[in-house]
């Protein structure tokens, strides 16, 4: 079971590439240099999103935030380059650590934990808290007192649904109800 161990109000610690290497913000033309750079960006985005419990980013909303803009260096990653980084994260080479929300590529799910990993975490919590056979609302899972110390506490409902879909495929859970009042039974 994964418990929440960091304080989200603590400032995020950026990598040395971000804080002191201006070329990090310009996608490289050399294939090997670009591949290494994309991997660094992927790790940075995942760490940042995990720190602040961000599950989805919009390019328009995030292009001028500190994730993609370093005011000290006066450098930023432009929207087309952000898309390139996320395209990499979506790919096998990027370990499928992102998923475009729509084909317009305006926003993406950032998988600092993939749905399969969330499913494993939730299933472990259900086992450890003796809730097999119980029916819980989705709200109880992500906002309830029992999950308060879990990494999935406060998670985006759509991410929860994706994780529960994995458990349902494995016949370990059944989701029922309407979108605004869904419940899940764990087996």
Protein backbone atom coordinates (compact mmCIF):
# COMPACT_ATOMS: atom_id res chain seq x y z
CA UNK A 1 0.00 0.00 0.00
CA UNK A 2 1.39 3.41 -0.98
CA UNK A 3 0.92 6.14 1.55
CA UNK A 4 1.21 9.85 0.98
CA UNK A 5 4.54 11.00 2.36
CA UNK A 6 5.11 14.52 1.12
CA UNK A 7 3.53 17.83 1.89
CA UNK A 8 2.03 19.30 -1.27
CA UNK A 9 2.52 22.79 0.10
CA UNK A 10 6.29 22.27 0.02
CA UNK A 11 7.80 23.88 -3.09
CA UNK A 12 8.72 21.52 -5.89
CA UNK A 13 12.45 20.97 -6.36
CA UNK A 14 13.33 21.31 -10.04
CA UNK A 15 16.18 19.33 -11.59
CA UNK A 16 19.56 20.88 -12.37
CA UNK A 17 18.79 20.71 -16.09
CA UNK A 18 15.75 22.88 -15.49
CA UNK A 19 17.39 25.34 -13.10
CA UNK A 20 20.77 25.84 -14.72
CA UNK A 21 20.86 24.60 -18.29
CA UNK A 22 19.13 26.98 -20.76
CA UNK A 23 19.36 24.55 -23.75
CA UNK A 24 16.97 22.26 -21.85
CA UNK A 25 14.17 24.54 -23.08
CA UNK A 26 15.09 24.16 -26.77
CA UNK A 27 14.39 20.74 -28.25
CA UNK A 28 17.62 19.37 -29.67
CA UNK A 29 18.03 18.33 -33.31
CA UNK A 30 20.42 15.43 -32.70
CA UNK A 31 18.34 12.25 -32.30
CA UNK A 32 20.28 10.91 -29.31
CA UNK A 33 20.39 14.29 -27.54
CA UNK A 34 16.67 14.81 -28.19
CA UNK A 35 15.81 11.34 -26.85
CA UNK A 36 17.73 12.03 -23.62
CA UNK A 37 16.10 15.46 -23.35
CA UNK A 38 12.59 14.05 -23.85
CA UNK A 39 13.24 11.47 -21.13
CA UNK A 40 14.34 14.24 -18.76
CA UNK A 41 11.24 16.29 -19.55
CA UNK A 42 9.05 13.23 -19.02
CA UNK A 43 10.58 12.52 -15.61
CA UNK A 44 10.28 16.20 -14.65
CA UNK A 45 6.61 16.40 -15.67
CA UNK A 46 5.79 13.18 -13.81
CA UNK A 47 7.60 14.31 -10.65
CA UNK A 48 5.95 17.75 -10.78
CA UNK A 49 2.47 16.34 -11.32
CA UNK A 50 2.96 13.76 -8.58
CA UNK A 51 4.19 16.42 -6.15
CA UNK A 52 1.13 18.61 -6.72
CA UNK A 53 -1.28 15.70 -7.42
CA UNK A 54 -2.01 16.96 -10.91
CA UNK A 55 -3.61 14.35 -13.14
CA UNK A 56 -4.36 16.33 -16.29
CA UNK A 57 -2.60 19.29 -17.85
CA UNK A 58 -3.88 21.67 -20.47
CA UNK A 59 -1.18 23.09 -22.71
CA UNK A 60 -2.88 26.49 -22.78
CA UNK A 61 -3.21 26.58 -18.99
CA UNK A 62 0.30 25.30 -18.24
CA UNK A 63 2.45 26.88 -20.97
CA UNK A 64 3.26 29.89 -18.77
CA UNK A 65 3.41 28.11 -15.41
CA UNK A 66 6.70 27.25 -13.77
CA UNK A 67 6.59 23.68 -15.09
CA UNK A 68 7.35 24.90 -18.61
CA UNK A 69 8.71 28.39 -17.91
CA UNK A 70 11.85 29.25 -15.99
CA UNK A 71 11.65 32.96 -15.18
CA UNK A 72 15.19 33.03 -13.75
CA UNK A 73 16.67 31.81 -17.05
CA UNK A 74 14.05 33.69 -19.09
CA UNK A 75 13.37 30.43 -20.98
CA UNK A 76 10.23 28.46 -21.70
CA UNK A 77 9.07 25.45 -23.61
CA UNK A 78 6.69 26.58 -26.36
CA UNK A 79 3.29 24.90 -26.90
CA UNK A 80 4.43 22.94 -29.98
CA UNK A 81 7.41 21.64 -28.00
CA UNK A 82 5.18 20.75 -25.04
CA UNK A 83 3.10 18.69 -27.50
CA UNK A 84 6.28 16.98 -28.73
CA UNK A 85 7.25 16.10 -25.15
CA UNK A 86 3.78 14.76 -24.39
CA UNK A 87 3.73 12.83 -27.70
CA UNK A 88 6.94 11.20 -26.50
CA UNK A 89 5.35 10.42 -23.13
CA UNK A 90 2.36 8.83 -24.92
CA UNK A 91 4.67 6.59 -26.97
CA UNK A 92 6.23 3.25 -26.06
CA UNK A 93 9.62 5.01 -25.86
CA UNK A 94 8.09 7.33 -23.27
CA UNK A 95 6.67 4.33 -21.40
CA UNK A 96 3.10 5.50 -22.05
CA UNK A 97 3.28 8.00 -19.20
CA UNK A 98 0.67 10.28 -20.79
CA UNK A 99 -2.54 10.00 -22.79
CA UNK A 100 -4.11 12.73 -24.88
CA UNK A 101 -7.61 13.53 -23.67
CA UNK A 102 -8.80 14.21 -27.23
CA UNK A 103 -7.28 14.05 -30.71
CA UNK A 104 -6.92 17.86 -30.62
CA UNK A 105 -3.96 17.36 -28.26
CA UNK A 106 -4.93 20.33 -26.11
CA UNK A 107 -4.72 18.48 -22.80
CA UNK A 108 -3.33 15.19 -21.57
CA UNK A 109 -3.55 12.79 -18.68
CA UNK A 110 -0.16 12.54 -17.03
CA UNK A 111 0.41 9.05 -15.73
CA UNK A 112 2.85 9.44 -12.88
CA UNK A 113 1.05 6.22 -12.03
CA UNK A 114 -0.66 4.40 -14.86
CA UNK A 115 -4.27 3.18 -14.39
CA UNK A 116 -2.90 -0.35 -13.85
CA UNK A 117 -0.67 0.96 -11.06
CA UNK A 118 -3.57 2.82 -9.45
CA UNK A 119 -5.61 -0.39 -9.66
CA UNK A 120 -2.89 -2.28 -7.79
CA UNK A 121 -2.68 0.43 -5.13
CA UNK A 122 -6.45 0.56 -4.63
CA UNK A 123 -6.74 -3.25 -4.52
CA UNK A 124 -3.98 -3.42 -1.88
CA UNK A 125 -5.80 -0.79 0.20
CA UNK A 126 -9.09 -2.71 -0.11
CA UNK A 127 -7.34 -5.91 1.04
CA UNK A 128 -5.49 -4.25 3.90
CA UNK A 129 -8.56 -2.46 5.21
CA UNK A 130 -10.80 -5.53 4.96
CA UNK A 131 -13.19 -4.03 2.44
CA UNK A 132 -13.46 -6.98 0.06
CA UNK A 133 -17.15 -7.66 -0.46
CA UNK A 134 -17.99 -4.10 0.54
CA UNK A 135 -19.66 -1.49 -1.60
CA UNK A 136 -18.02 1.93 -1.56
CA UNK A 137 -18.90 5.09 -3.40
CA UNK A 138 -16.21 6.56 -5.61
CA UNK A 139 -16.33 9.62 -3.38
CA UNK A 140 -15.52 7.49 -0.30
CA UNK A 141 -12.50 6.03 -2.05
CA UNK A 142 -10.91 9.34 -2.99
CA UNK A 143 -12.26 11.65 -0.27
CA UNK A 144 -13.14 9.39 2.66
CA UNK A 145 -11.36 9.33 5.99
CA UNK A 146 -10.23 5.74 5.43
CA UNK A 147 -8.15 6.72 2.39
CA UNK A 148 -6.74 9.92 3.86
CA UNK A 149 -3.15 8.65 4.01
CA UNK A 150 -3.25 7.01 0.59
CA UNK A 151 -1.63 8.43 -2.51
CA UNK A 152 -4.94 8.08 -4.36
CA UNK A 153 -6.76 10.26 -1.80
CA UNK A 154 -8.04 13.32 -3.67
CA UNK A 155 -7.38 11.82 -7.10
CA UNK A 156 -9.31 12.92 -10.17
CA UNK A 157 -12.54 10.89 -10.52
CA UNK A 158 -11.81 10.03 -14.14
CA UNK A 159 -8.43 8.59 -13.16
CA UNK A 160 -10.17 6.57 -10.44
CA UNK A 161 -12.66 5.25 -13.02
CA UNK A 162 -9.79 4.20 -15.28
CA UNK A 163 -8.12 2.35 -12.39
CA UNK A 164 -11.39 0.69 -11.39
CA UNK A 165 -11.96 -0.36 -15.02
CA UNK A 166 -8.69 -2.30 -14.78
CA UNK A 167 -9.95 -4.06 -11.64
CA UNK A 168 -13.29 -4.76 -13.32
CA UNK A 169 -11.49 -6.37 -16.29
CA UNK A 170 -9.65 -8.57 -13.80
CA UNK A 171 -12.99 -9.49 -12.15
CA UNK A 172 -11.81 -7.91 -8.90
CA UNK A 173 -14.42 -5.13 -8.84
CA UNK A 174 -17.77 -4.14 -10.29
CA UNK A 175 -18.67 -0.50 -10.86
CA UNK A 176 -22.35 0.44 -10.96
CA UNK A 177 -24.63 3.47 -10.78
CA UNK A 178 -24.77 6.73 -12.68
CA UNK A 179 -21.86 9.08 -13.32
CA UNK A 180 -22.67 11.35 -10.40
CA UNK A 181 -23.42 8.52 -7.94
CA UNK A 182 -21.23 5.57 -8.80
CA UNK A 183 -20.34 2.79 -6.44
CA UNK A 184 -17.97 -0.14 -6.62
CA UNK A 185 -18.02 -3.58 -5.08
CA UNK A 186 -14.67 -5.28 -4.57
CA UNK A 187 -14.21 -9.06 -4.90
